[in-house]
Amino acid sequence: MNVIWRTLLVILQARSRVRRGRTVDSAEVGRIRLTTLPTDIDILRHMNNGRYLSLFDLGRWDLLIRTGLFDAMKERGWYAVVSSETVTFRKSLQLWQRFDVESRFIGHDEKAVFMEHRAVVDGEVYARVIVRARMMRRSGGTVGHDELFAAVGTPAGVPDIDDWIHDWATASALPPTRKPAPSVWR
């Protein structure tokens, strides 16, 4: 709920862009312009580290809608869930500072798709997140890539995923939901 109004606005704007023919190819970078608001700021007077992830979600909404993936998912009763993400901060965004959220699909592995989001000011990267997301069915279960790509087409021009991203995804994975995952500190 913390960014619900921004989410609704981004969805409406993305739908409007699609109606005007401003779609995005699956290999292109999508961009939305945002401003750091007082509700984004922490006690240190810069954007709170957790808020970046919420605002990067807005870039994901825009990209899903403008590539046509969201409509294909909705028709089939699918939805995407983030299974893991890693964020790196470089510079702080200040109150009222304008910035772009740039979003792009960067590939897939056998179970998930990967996206990168960046907070960019005047062409300079302030923060970056790598997201690994899985496609799920509302009726239960996961959507395999063969079914996903049959529905929306195999993305062309998406770069190969860097090796470190594969290594990170493997190293950070928790056990599957049907296996135990006890909270034992070492």
N, C-alpha and C. Protein backbone atom coordinates (compact mmCIF):
# COMPACT_ATOMS: atom_id res chain seq x y z
N MET A 1 0.81 -1.20 0.00
CA MET A 1 0.00 0.00 0.00
C MET A 1 0.85 1.27 0.00
N ASN A 2 2.13 1.15 0.30
CA ASN A 2 2.93 2.37 0.49
C ASN A 2 3.12 3.18 -0.79
N VAL A 3 2.97 2.58 -1.95
CA VAL A 3 3.08 3.34 -3.19
C VAL A 3 1.88 3.06 -4.11
N ILE A 4 0.72 2.79 -3.52
CA ILE A 4 -0.45 2.39 -4.31
C ILE A 4 -0.85 3.46 -5.32
N TRP A 5 -0.84 4.73 -4.94
CA TRP A 5 -1.27 5.79 -5.87
C TRP A 5 -0.28 5.94 -7.02
N ARG A 6 1.01 5.83 -6.72
CA ARG A 6 2.01 5.87 -7.78
C ARG A 6 1.85 4.67 -8.70
N THR A 7 1.57 3.50 -8.13
CA THR A 7 1.39 2.29 -8.94
C THR A 7 0.22 2.47 -9.90
N LEU A 8 -0.90 2.93 -9.39
CA LEU A 8 -2.07 3.15 -10.25
C LEU A 8 -1.77 4.17 -11.34
N LEU A 9 -1.06 5.23 -11.00
CA LEU A 9 -0.70 6.25 -11.98
C LEU A 9 0.22 5.67 -13.07
N VAL A 10 1.21 4.87 -12.67
CA VAL A 10 2.13 4.26 -13.64
C VAL A 10 1.36 3.31 -14.55
N ILE A 11 0.45 2.53 -14.00
CA ILE A 11 -0.35 1.60 -14.81
C ILE A 11 -1.18 2.37 -15.83
N LEU A 12 -1.84 3.44 -15.39
CA LEU A 12 -2.64 4.26 -16.31
C LEU A 12 -1.77 4.90 -17.39
N GLN A 13 -0.62 5.41 -17.00
CA GLN A 13 0.29 6.02 -17.97
C GLN A 13 0.82 4.99 -18.96
N ALA A 14 1.15 3.79 -18.48
CA ALA A 14 1.65 2.74 -19.38
C ALA A 14 0.56 2.34 -20.37
N ARG A 15 -0.67 2.19 -19.90
CA ARG A 15 -1.79 1.85 -20.79
C ARG A 15 -1.98 2.95 -21.84
N SER A 16 -1.86 4.20 -21.42
CA SER A 16 -1.98 5.32 -22.35
C SER A 16 -0.86 5.30 -23.39
N ARG A 17 0.34 4.99 -22.96
CA ARG A 17 1.46 4.90 -23.91
C ARG A 17 1.22 3.80 -24.93
N VAL A 18 0.68 2.67 -24.49
CA VAL A 18 0.39 1.56 -25.41
C VAL A 18 -0.65 1.99 -26.43
N ARG A 19 -1.71 2.67 -25.97
CA ARG A 19 -2.75 3.15 -26.89
C ARG A 19 -2.18 4.10 -27.94
N ARG A 20 -1.16 4.86 -27.58
CA ARG A 20 -0.52 5.80 -28.51
C ARG A 20 0.59 5.14 -29.32
N GLY A 21 0.74 3.82 -29.20
CA GLY A 21 1.74 3.11 -29.98
C GLY A 21 3.14 3.13 -29.38
N ARG A 22 3.27 3.57 -28.15
CA ARG A 22 4.59 3.65 -27.51
C ARG A 22 4.85 2.39 -26.69
N THR A 23 4.91 1.26 -27.41
CA THR A 23 5.22 -0.01 -26.77
C THR A 23 6.73 -0.16 -26.64
N VAL A 24 7.15 -1.21 -25.95
CA VAL A 24 8.56 -1.48 -25.75
C VAL A 24 8.81 -2.93 -26.16
N ASP A 25 9.84 -3.15 -26.95
CA ASP A 25 10.25 -4.50 -27.31
C ASP A 25 10.88 -5.16 -26.09
N SER A 26 10.84 -6.48 -26.03
CA SER A 26 11.34 -7.20 -24.85
C SER A 26 12.83 -6.97 -24.59
N ALA A 27 13.59 -6.53 -25.58
CA ALA A 27 15.02 -6.28 -25.38
C ALA A 27 15.32 -4.81 -25.12
N GLU A 28 14.30 -3.94 -25.18
CA GLU A 28 14.51 -2.51 -24.98
C GLU A 28 14.49 -2.12 -23.51
N VAL A 29 14.98 -0.94 -23.24
CA VAL A 29 14.95 -0.36 -21.90
C VAL A 29 13.70 0.50 -21.78
N GLY A 30 12.90 0.24 -20.75
CA GLY A 30 11.75 1.07 -20.44
C GLY A 30 12.15 2.13 -19.43
N ARG A 31 11.55 3.31 -19.52
CA ARG A 31 11.89 4.41 -18.62
C ARG A 31 10.64 5.09 -18.09
N ILE A 32 10.66 5.39 -16.80
CA ILE A 32 9.63 6.24 -16.21
C ILE A 32 10.34 7.30 -15.38
N ARG A 33 9.75 8.47 -15.30
CA ARG A 33 10.32 9.59 -14.54
C ARG A 33 9.61 9.68 -13.20
N LEU A 34 10.38 9.77 -12.12
CA LEU A 34 9.83 9.89 -10.77
C LEU A 34 10.51 11.03 -10.03
N THR A 35 9.93 11.39 -8.91
CA THR A 35 10.50 12.41 -8.02
C THR A 35 10.55 11.83 -6.62
N THR A 36 11.64 12.08 -5.91
CA THR A 36 11.76 11.63 -4.53
C THR A 36 10.83 12.50 -3.67
N LEU A 37 9.85 11.86 -3.05
CA LEU A 37 8.83 12.55 -2.25
C LEU A 37 9.17 12.48 -0.76
N PRO A 38 8.54 13.34 0.07
CA PRO A 38 8.80 13.28 1.51
C PRO A 38 8.53 11.90 2.12
N THR A 39 7.59 11.14 1.57
CA THR A 39 7.30 9.81 2.09
C THR A 39 8.39 8.79 1.72
N ASP A 40 9.31 9.17 0.85
CA ASP A 40 10.41 8.28 0.45
C ASP A 40 11.65 8.48 1.31
N ILE A 41 11.67 9.54 2.08
CA ILE A 41 12.87 9.96 2.79
C ILE A 41 12.95 9.32 4.17
N ASP A 42 14.18 8.96 4.58
CA ASP A 42 14.38 8.42 5.92
C ASP A 42 14.95 9.51 6.85
N ILE A 43 15.31 9.13 8.03
CA ILE A 43 15.79 10.07 9.04
C ILE A 43 17.10 10.77 8.62
N LEU A 44 17.83 10.16 7.69
CA LEU A 44 19.07 10.76 7.20
C LEU A 44 18.84 11.72 6.03
N ARG A 45 17.59 11.97 5.70
CA ARG A 45 17.14 12.94 4.69
C ARG A 45 17.53 12.56 3.25
N HIS A 46 17.63 11.26 3.00
CA HIS A 46 17.76 10.79 1.62
C HIS A 46 16.79 9.61 1.44
N MET A 47 16.67 9.14 0.20
CA MET A 47 15.71 8.07 -0.03
C MET A 47 16.07 6.85 0.79
N ASN A 48 15.07 6.31 1.45
CA ASN A 48 15.23 5.12 2.26
C ASN A 48 15.61 3.94 1.38
N ASN A 49 16.54 3.11 1.83
CA ASN A 49 17.03 2.00 1.01
C ASN A 49 15.90 1.05 0.62
N GLY A 50 14.94 0.81 1.47
CA GLY A 50 13.83 -0.08 1.14
C GLY A 50 12.89 0.50 0.10
N ARG A 51 12.82 1.80 0.02
CA ARG A 51 11.91 2.45 -0.93
C ARG A 51 12.36 2.23 -2.37
N TYR A 52 13.66 2.10 -2.59
CA TYR A 52 14.14 1.85 -3.95
C TYR A 52 13.44 0.64 -4.55
N LEU A 53 13.33 -0.44 -3.79
CA LEU A 53 12.72 -1.66 -4.31
C LEU A 53 11.26 -1.44 -4.66
N SER A 54 10.54 -0.67 -3.83
CA SER A 54 9.14 -0.37 -4.13
C SER A 54 9.02 0.47 -5.39
N LEU A 55 9.91 1.41 -5.58
CA LEU A 55 9.85 2.26 -6.77
C LEU A 55 10.33 1.52 -8.02
N PHE A 56 11.26 0.59 -7.86
CA PHE A 56 11.65 -0.24 -9.00
C PHE A 56 10.48 -1.13 -9.45
N ASP A 57 9.59 -1.49 -8.53
CA ASP A 57 8.37 -2.22 -8.92
C ASP A 57 7.57 -1.42 -9.95
N LEU A 58 7.59 -0.10 -9.83
CA LEU A 58 6.85 0.74 -10.78
C LEU A 58 7.43 0.58 -12.19
N GLY A 59 8.74 0.51 -12.28
CA GLY A 59 9.37 0.27 -13.57
C GLY A 59 8.99 -1.09 -14.13
N ARG A 60 8.84 -2.07 -13.24
CA ARG A 60 8.44 -3.41 -13.68
C ARG A 60 7.02 -3.40 -14.23
N TRP A 61 6.10 -2.69 -13.57
CA TRP A 61 4.73 -2.56 -14.07
C TRP A 61 4.73 -1.93 -15.46
N ASP A 62 5.46 -0.85 -15.61
CA ASP A 62 5.52 -0.16 -16.90
C ASP A 62 6.04 -1.10 -17.98
N LEU A 63 7.11 -1.81 -17.70
CA LEU A 63 7.71 -2.70 -18.69
C LEU A 63 6.78 -3.86 -19.03
N LEU A 64 6.17 -4.47 -18.03
CA LEU A 64 5.25 -5.59 -18.29
C LEU A 64 4.08 -5.16 -19.18
N ILE A 65 3.54 -3.99 -18.91
CA ILE A 65 2.40 -3.51 -19.69
C ILE A 65 2.84 -3.13 -21.10
N ARG A 66 3.92 -2.39 -21.22
CA ARG A 66 4.33 -1.87 -22.53
C ARG A 66 4.93 -2.92 -23.45
N THR A 67 5.41 -4.04 -22.90
CA THR A 67 5.88 -5.14 -23.75
C THR A 67 4.73 -6.07 -24.15
N GLY A 68 3.57 -5.92 -23.52
CA GLY A 68 2.43 -6.79 -23.80
C GLY A 68 2.41 -8.04 -22.93
N LEU A 69 3.44 -8.23 -22.12
CA LEU A 69 3.51 -9.42 -21.28
C LEU A 69 2.39 -9.43 -20.23
N PHE A 70 2.05 -8.29 -19.68
CA PHE A 70 1.01 -8.25 -18.65
C PHE A 70 -0.33 -8.75 -19.19
N ASP A 71 -0.73 -8.30 -20.39
CA ASP A 71 -1.99 -8.75 -20.96
C ASP A 71 -1.98 -10.25 -21.23
N ALA A 72 -0.86 -10.76 -21.72
CA ALA A 72 -0.75 -12.20 -21.97
C ALA A 72 -0.86 -12.98 -20.66
N MET A 73 -0.26 -12.47 -19.60
CA MET A 73 -0.33 -13.12 -18.30
C MET A 73 -1.76 -13.10 -17.76
N LYS A 74 -2.39 -11.95 -17.88
CA LYS A 74 -3.77 -11.80 -17.38
C LYS A 74 -4.73 -12.75 -18.09
N GLU A 75 -4.60 -12.86 -19.40
CA GLU A 75 -5.47 -13.76 -20.19
C GLU A 75 -5.34 -15.20 -19.75
N ARG A 76 -4.17 -15.60 -19.29
CA ARG A 76 -3.90 -16.99 -18.96
C ARG A 76 -3.96 -17.28 -17.46
N GLY A 77 -4.25 -16.27 -16.67
CA GLY A 77 -4.30 -16.48 -15.23
C GLY A 77 -2.93 -16.66 -14.60
N TRP A 78 -1.94 -15.97 -15.15
CA TRP A 78 -0.58 -16.04 -14.63
C TRP A 78 -0.25 -14.75 -13.87
N TYR A 79 0.72 -14.85 -13.02
CA TYR A 79 1.26 -13.66 -12.36
C TYR A 79 2.73 -13.92 -12.04
N ALA A 80 3.48 -12.87 -11.84
CA ALA A 80 4.91 -13.00 -11.56
C ALA A 80 5.17 -12.71 -10.08
N VAL A 81 6.08 -13.47 -9.51
CA VAL A 81 6.52 -13.21 -8.14
C VAL A 81 8.04 -13.08 -8.14
N VAL A 82 8.53 -12.17 -7.34
CA VAL A 82 9.97 -12.00 -7.20
C VAL A 82 10.47 -13.13 -6.29
N SER A 83 11.44 -13.89 -6.78
CA SER A 83 11.99 -14.96 -5.95
C SER A 83 13.28 -14.50 -5.25
N SER A 84 13.98 -13.56 -5.84
CA SER A 84 15.15 -12.99 -5.18
C SER A 84 15.53 -11.69 -5.89
N GLU A 85 16.23 -10.86 -5.15
CA GLU A 85 16.72 -9.61 -5.73
C GLU A 85 17.92 -9.15 -4.94
N THR A 86 18.78 -8.42 -5.62
CA THR A 86 19.95 -7.85 -4.96
C THR A 86 20.08 -6.40 -5.43
N VAL A 87 20.39 -5.54 -4.50
CA VAL A 87 20.46 -4.11 -4.83
C VAL A 87 21.83 -3.56 -4.44
N THR A 88 22.33 -2.65 -5.25
CA THR A 88 23.59 -1.97 -4.98
C THR A 88 23.35 -0.47 -5.07
N PHE A 89 23.81 0.25 -4.06
CA PHE A 89 23.64 1.70 -4.00
C PHE A 89 24.97 2.38 -4.29
N ARG A 90 24.89 3.47 -5.03
CA ARG A 90 26.10 4.21 -5.39
C ARG A 90 26.05 5.65 -4.88
N LYS A 91 24.93 6.32 -5.08
CA LYS A 91 24.73 7.69 -4.63
C LYS A 91 23.33 7.81 -4.06
N SER A 92 23.12 8.76 -3.18
CA SER A 92 21.82 8.96 -2.55
C SER A 92 20.93 9.88 -3.38
N LEU A 93 19.66 9.53 -3.43
CA LEU A 93 18.65 10.43 -4.01
C LEU A 93 18.12 11.32 -2.90
N GLN A 94 18.05 12.62 -3.17
CA GLN A 94 17.63 13.60 -2.17
C GLN A 94 16.16 13.99 -2.38
N LEU A 95 15.59 14.62 -1.38
CA LEU A 95 14.21 15.09 -1.44
C LEU A 95 13.98 15.96 -2.67
N TRP A 96 12.89 15.70 -3.38
CA TRP A 96 12.44 16.40 -4.58
C TRP A 96 13.33 16.17 -5.80
N GLN A 97 14.29 15.29 -5.69
CA GLN A 97 15.17 15.03 -6.83
C GLN A 97 14.43 14.20 -7.88
N ARG A 98 14.53 14.64 -9.14
CA ARG A 98 13.93 13.90 -10.26
C ARG A 98 14.91 12.83 -10.72
N PHE A 99 14.39 11.66 -11.04
CA PHE A 99 15.23 10.56 -11.52
C PHE A 99 14.41 9.66 -12.42
N ASP A 100 15.10 8.88 -13.23
CA ASP A 100 14.45 7.90 -14.08
C ASP A 100 14.65 6.52 -13.50
N VAL A 101 13.62 5.71 -13.59
CA VAL A 101 13.76 4.28 -13.34
C VAL A 101 13.85 3.64 -14.72
N GLU A 102 15.00 3.03 -15.00
CA GLU A 102 15.22 2.32 -16.25
C GLU A 102 15.09 0.83 -15.95
N SER A 103 14.34 0.12 -16.80
CA SER A 103 14.06 -1.29 -16.57
C SER A 103 14.28 -2.07 -17.85
N ARG A 104 14.84 -3.29 -17.69
CA ARG A 104 15.09 -4.11 -18.87
C ARG A 104 15.12 -5.59 -18.47
N PHE A 105 14.58 -6.44 -19.34
CA PHE A 105 14.76 -7.88 -19.19
C PHE A 105 16.21 -8.19 -19.55
N ILE A 106 16.87 -8.98 -18.72
CA ILE A 106 18.27 -9.29 -19.01
C ILE A 106 18.50 -10.78 -19.24
N GLY A 107 17.43 -11.57 -19.29
CA GLY A 107 17.60 -12.97 -19.62
C GLY A 107 16.76 -13.88 -18.75
N HIS A 108 17.08 -15.16 -18.82
CA HIS A 108 16.36 -16.16 -18.03
C HIS A 108 17.24 -17.36 -17.78
N ASP A 109 16.87 -18.14 -16.77
CA ASP A 109 17.50 -19.43 -16.55
C ASP A 109 16.40 -20.48 -16.72
N GLU A 110 16.61 -21.68 -16.23
CA GLU A 110 15.64 -22.74 -16.45
C GLU A 110 14.32 -22.53 -15.69
N LYS A 111 14.30 -21.67 -14.68
CA LYS A 111 13.09 -21.49 -13.88
C LYS A 111 12.55 -20.07 -13.82
N ALA A 112 13.36 -19.09 -14.13
CA ALA A 112 12.96 -17.71 -13.86
C ALA A 112 13.43 -16.76 -14.95
N VAL A 113 12.86 -15.56 -14.92
CA VAL A 113 13.31 -14.48 -15.78
C VAL A 113 14.03 -13.46 -14.91
N PHE A 114 14.97 -12.75 -15.51
CA PHE A 114 15.77 -11.76 -14.79
C PHE A 114 15.54 -10.38 -15.39
N MET A 115 15.47 -9.39 -14.51
CA MET A 115 15.33 -8.00 -14.92
C MET A 115 16.36 -7.17 -14.17
N GLU A 116 16.72 -6.05 -14.78
CA GLU A 116 17.57 -5.08 -14.11
C GLU A 116 16.82 -3.76 -14.07
N HIS A 117 16.88 -3.10 -12.94
CA HIS A 117 16.31 -1.76 -12.77
C HIS A 117 17.42 -0.84 -12.28
N ARG A 118 17.40 0.38 -12.78
CA ARG A 118 18.39 1.38 -12.36
C ARG A 118 17.69 2.68 -11.99
N ALA A 119 18.18 3.34 -10.96
CA ALA A 119 17.80 4.72 -10.66
C ALA A 119 18.87 5.59 -11.30
N VAL A 120 18.45 6.46 -12.23
CA VAL A 120 19.40 7.22 -13.05
C VAL A 120 19.07 8.71 -12.98
N VAL A 121 20.10 9.52 -12.75
CA VAL A 121 19.97 10.98 -12.75
C VAL A 121 20.94 11.52 -13.78
N ASP A 122 20.42 12.23 -14.77
CA ASP A 122 21.25 12.83 -15.82
C ASP A 122 22.24 11.82 -16.42
N GLY A 123 21.75 10.60 -16.68
CA GLY A 123 22.57 9.58 -17.31
C GLY A 123 23.49 8.83 -16.36
N GLU A 124 23.49 9.18 -15.09
CA GLU A 124 24.38 8.56 -14.11
C GLU A 124 23.60 7.60 -13.21
N VAL A 125 24.11 6.38 -13.04
CA VAL A 125 23.45 5.36 -12.22
C VAL A 125 23.67 5.67 -10.74
N TYR A 126 22.56 5.77 -9.99
CA TYR A 126 22.62 5.98 -8.55
C TYR A 126 22.44 4.67 -7.79
N ALA A 127 21.60 3.78 -8.32
CA ALA A 127 21.37 2.47 -7.69
C ALA A 127 20.94 1.49 -8.77
N ARG A 128 21.19 0.20 -8.49
CA ARG A 128 20.82 -0.84 -9.44
C ARG A 128 20.32 -2.06 -8.68
N VAL A 129 19.29 -2.70 -9.24
CA VAL A 129 18.79 -3.94 -8.65
C VAL A 129 18.68 -4.99 -9.74
N ILE A 130 19.02 -6.22 -9.39
CA ILE A 130 18.81 -7.38 -10.25
C ILE A 130 17.68 -8.17 -9.61
N VAL A 131 16.67 -8.51 -10.41
CA VAL A 131 15.49 -9.21 -9.91
C VAL A 131 15.36 -10.54 -10.64
N ARG A 132 15.11 -11.58 -9.89
CA ARG A 132 14.79 -12.89 -10.44
C ARG A 132 13.34 -13.17 -10.11
N ALA A 133 12.51 -13.41 -11.13
CA ALA A 133 11.08 -13.60 -10.93
C ALA A 133 10.60 -14.88 -11.60
N ARG A 134 9.63 -15.51 -10.98
CA ARG A 134 9.02 -16.73 -11.52
C ARG A 134 7.59 -16.43 -11.92
N MET A 135 7.15 -17.12 -12.94
CA MET A 135 5.76 -17.01 -13.39
C MET A 135 4.94 -18.11 -12.72
N MET A 136 3.83 -17.70 -12.13
CA MET A 136 2.97 -18.63 -11.40
C MET A 136 1.56 -18.61 -12.01
N ARG A 137 0.82 -19.69 -11.73
CA ARG A 137 -0.58 -19.79 -12.15
C ARG A 137 -1.49 -19.47 -10.97
N ARG A 138 -2.52 -18.71 -11.23
CA ARG A 138 -3.50 -18.45 -10.17
C ARG A 138 -4.14 -19.75 -9.69
N SER A 139 -4.23 -20.73 -10.57
CA SER A 139 -4.81 -22.02 -10.22
C SER A 139 -3.82 -22.91 -9.46
N GLY A 140 -2.57 -22.47 -9.33
CA GLY A 140 -1.54 -23.22 -8.63
C GLY A 140 -0.47 -23.72 -9.57
N GLY A 141 0.74 -23.74 -9.10
CA GLY A 141 1.86 -24.22 -9.89
C GLY A 141 2.59 -23.12 -10.62
N THR A 142 3.68 -23.51 -11.27
CA THR A 142 4.51 -22.55 -11.99
C THR A 142 4.29 -22.68 -13.50
N VAL A 143 4.66 -21.64 -14.21
CA VAL A 143 4.59 -21.61 -15.66
C VAL A 143 6.00 -21.84 -16.18
N GLY A 144 6.16 -22.89 -16.98
CA GLY A 144 7.47 -23.19 -17.55
C GLY A 144 7.79 -22.25 -18.70
N HIS A 145 9.08 -22.12 -19.01
CA HIS A 145 9.50 -21.23 -20.09
C HIS A 145 8.95 -21.65 -21.43
N ASP A 146 8.81 -22.97 -21.65
CA ASP A 146 8.26 -23.41 -22.94
C ASP A 146 6.85 -22.87 -23.14
N GLU A 147 6.05 -22.89 -22.09
CA GLU A 147 4.69 -22.35 -22.17
C GLU A 147 4.70 -20.82 -22.24
N LEU A 148 5.55 -20.20 -21.44
CA LEU A 148 5.66 -18.74 -21.44
C LEU A 148 6.06 -18.23 -22.82
N PHE A 149 7.12 -18.79 -23.39
CA PHE A 149 7.60 -18.31 -24.68
C PHE A 149 6.67 -18.69 -25.82
N ALA A 150 5.92 -19.78 -25.67
CA ALA A 150 4.92 -20.13 -26.68
C ALA A 150 3.81 -19.08 -26.70
N ALA A 151 3.50 -18.53 -25.53
CA ALA A 151 2.43 -17.53 -25.42
C ALA A 151 2.85 -16.14 -25.85
N VAL A 152 4.07 -15.75 -25.51
CA VAL A 152 4.49 -14.37 -25.76
C VAL A 152 5.64 -14.26 -26.76
N GLY A 153 6.16 -15.39 -27.19
CA GLY A 153 7.29 -15.37 -28.11
C GLY A 153 8.59 -15.40 -27.34
N THR A 154 9.58 -16.01 -27.94
CA THR A 154 10.91 -16.05 -27.32
C THR A 154 11.56 -14.69 -27.52
N PRO A 155 11.99 -14.06 -26.42
CA PRO A 155 12.57 -12.73 -26.56
C PRO A 155 13.85 -12.75 -27.40
N ALA A 156 13.91 -11.85 -28.35
CA ALA A 156 15.10 -11.73 -29.20
C ALA A 156 15.90 -10.52 -28.75
N GLY A 157 17.20 -10.63 -28.80
CA GLY A 157 18.05 -9.50 -28.49
C GLY A 157 18.31 -9.28 -27.02
N VAL A 158 17.81 -10.16 -26.16
CA VAL A 158 18.09 -10.03 -24.73
C VAL A 158 19.49 -10.57 -24.51
N PRO A 159 20.33 -9.81 -23.81
CA PRO A 159 21.73 -10.25 -23.66
C PRO A 159 21.85 -11.50 -22.78
N ASP A 160 22.99 -12.16 -22.86
CA ASP A 160 23.27 -13.27 -21.95
C ASP A 160 23.43 -12.72 -20.54
N ILE A 161 23.01 -13.51 -19.59
CA ILE A 161 23.15 -13.10 -18.19
C ILE A 161 24.60 -13.27 -17.77
N ASP A 162 25.13 -12.28 -17.07
CA ASP A 162 26.50 -12.37 -16.56
C ASP A 162 26.62 -13.57 -15.62
N ASP A 163 27.78 -14.21 -15.62
CA ASP A 163 27.99 -15.38 -14.77
C ASP A 163 27.74 -15.08 -13.30
N TRP A 164 28.13 -13.89 -12.84
CA TRP A 164 27.96 -13.58 -11.42
C TRP A 164 26.48 -13.59 -11.02
N ILE A 165 25.59 -13.27 -11.95
CA ILE A 165 24.16 -13.27 -11.63
C ILE A 165 23.67 -14.71 -11.44
N HIS A 166 24.11 -15.63 -12.28
CA HIS A 166 23.78 -17.04 -12.07
C HIS A 166 24.33 -17.53 -10.73
N ASP A 167 25.58 -17.16 -10.43
CA ASP A 167 26.19 -17.58 -9.17
C ASP A 167 25.41 -17.02 -7.98
N TRP A 168 25.03 -15.74 -8.05
CA TRP A 168 24.26 -15.12 -6.98
C TRP A 168 22.91 -15.81 -6.81
N ALA A 169 22.22 -16.09 -7.92
CA ALA A 169 20.89 -16.72 -7.84
C ALA A 169 21.00 -18.09 -7.17
N THR A 170 22.02 -18.84 -7.49
CA THR A 170 22.21 -20.15 -6.88
C THR A 170 22.57 -20.02 -5.41
N ALA A 171 23.51 -19.14 -5.10
CA ALA A 171 23.99 -19.00 -3.72
C ALA A 171 22.93 -18.43 -2.78
N SER A 172 22.03 -17.62 -3.29
CA SER A 172 21.05 -16.97 -2.41
C SER A 172 19.73 -17.72 -2.30
N ALA A 173 19.58 -18.81 -3.04
CA ALA A 173 18.30 -19.53 -3.07
C ALA A 173 18.02 -20.21 -1.73
N LEU A 174 16.76 -20.15 -1.33
CA LEU A 174 16.28 -20.90 -0.17
C LEU A 174 15.73 -22.23 -0.66
N PRO A 175 15.49 -23.19 0.25
CA PRO A 175 14.91 -24.46 -0.17
C PRO A 175 13.53 -24.26 -0.78
N PRO A 176 13.11 -25.17 -1.66
CA PRO A 176 11.75 -25.08 -2.22
C PRO A 176 10.70 -25.08 -1.12
N THR A 177 9.51 -24.59 -1.43
CA THR A 177 8.46 -24.45 -0.41
C THR A 177 7.99 -25.78 0.17
N ARG A 178 8.16 -26.87 -0.53
CA ARG A 178 7.73 -28.17 -0.03
C ARG A 178 8.80 -28.85 0.84
N LYS A 179 9.93 -28.21 1.02
CA LYS A 179 11.00 -28.75 1.87
C LYS A 179 11.14 -27.87 3.09
N PRO A 180 11.65 -28.43 4.17
CA PRO A 180 11.81 -27.63 5.38
C PRO A 180 12.89 -26.54 5.21
N ALA A 181 12.69 -25.46 5.89
CA ALA A 181 13.67 -24.36 5.92
C ALA A 181 13.75 -23.82 7.34
N PRO A 182 14.32 -24.63 8.24
CA PRO A 182 14.38 -24.20 9.64
C PRO A 182 15.27 -22.98 9.83
N SER A 183 14.88 -22.15 10.77
CA SER A 183 15.68 -20.97 11.10
C SER A 183 16.73 -21.37 12.12
N VAL A 184 17.88 -21.76 11.61
CA VAL A 184 19.00 -22.16 12.46
C VAL A 184 20.15 -21.22 12.14
N TRP A 185 20.61 -20.49 13.16
CA TRP A 185 21.72 -19.57 12.95
C TRP A 185 23.03 -20.30 13.17
N ARG A 186 23.98 -20.03 12.35
CA ARG A 186 25.30 -20.68 12.48
C ARG A 186 26.27 -19.74 13.13
